[in-house]
Amino acid sequence: MAKPLAIVRDWVVRFNEHGSAGLLNGKAPGNRPKLNDDQRQALVKIVERGPIPAIHGVVRWRRKDLVHWISQEFRIGRDHGWS
């Protein structure tokens, strides 16, 4: 199992700075969230409450229903990565 020298050198630096714990990978930052904290809380509330058929037109939430609700409520469209 050959590793490029730069990777091994990075491991040595991490080990020297932090000991064996420095060799553990941390959580990768990932993409920026599409919803802010307030929007996520609103989504949690509507999911926990469940849909109102007369208002939402469905008797149970499906992913596409929630995507539609999010796009209408927060003006976040498919161009922001929602499908």
Foldseek 3Di string as FASTA:
>chain_A
DDDDPVVVVVCVVLCVVPNPVSNDDDDDPDDDDPDDPVLVVVLVVDQVVADDCVPQVDRGDDLVSSLVVCCVVVVDDCVSVRD
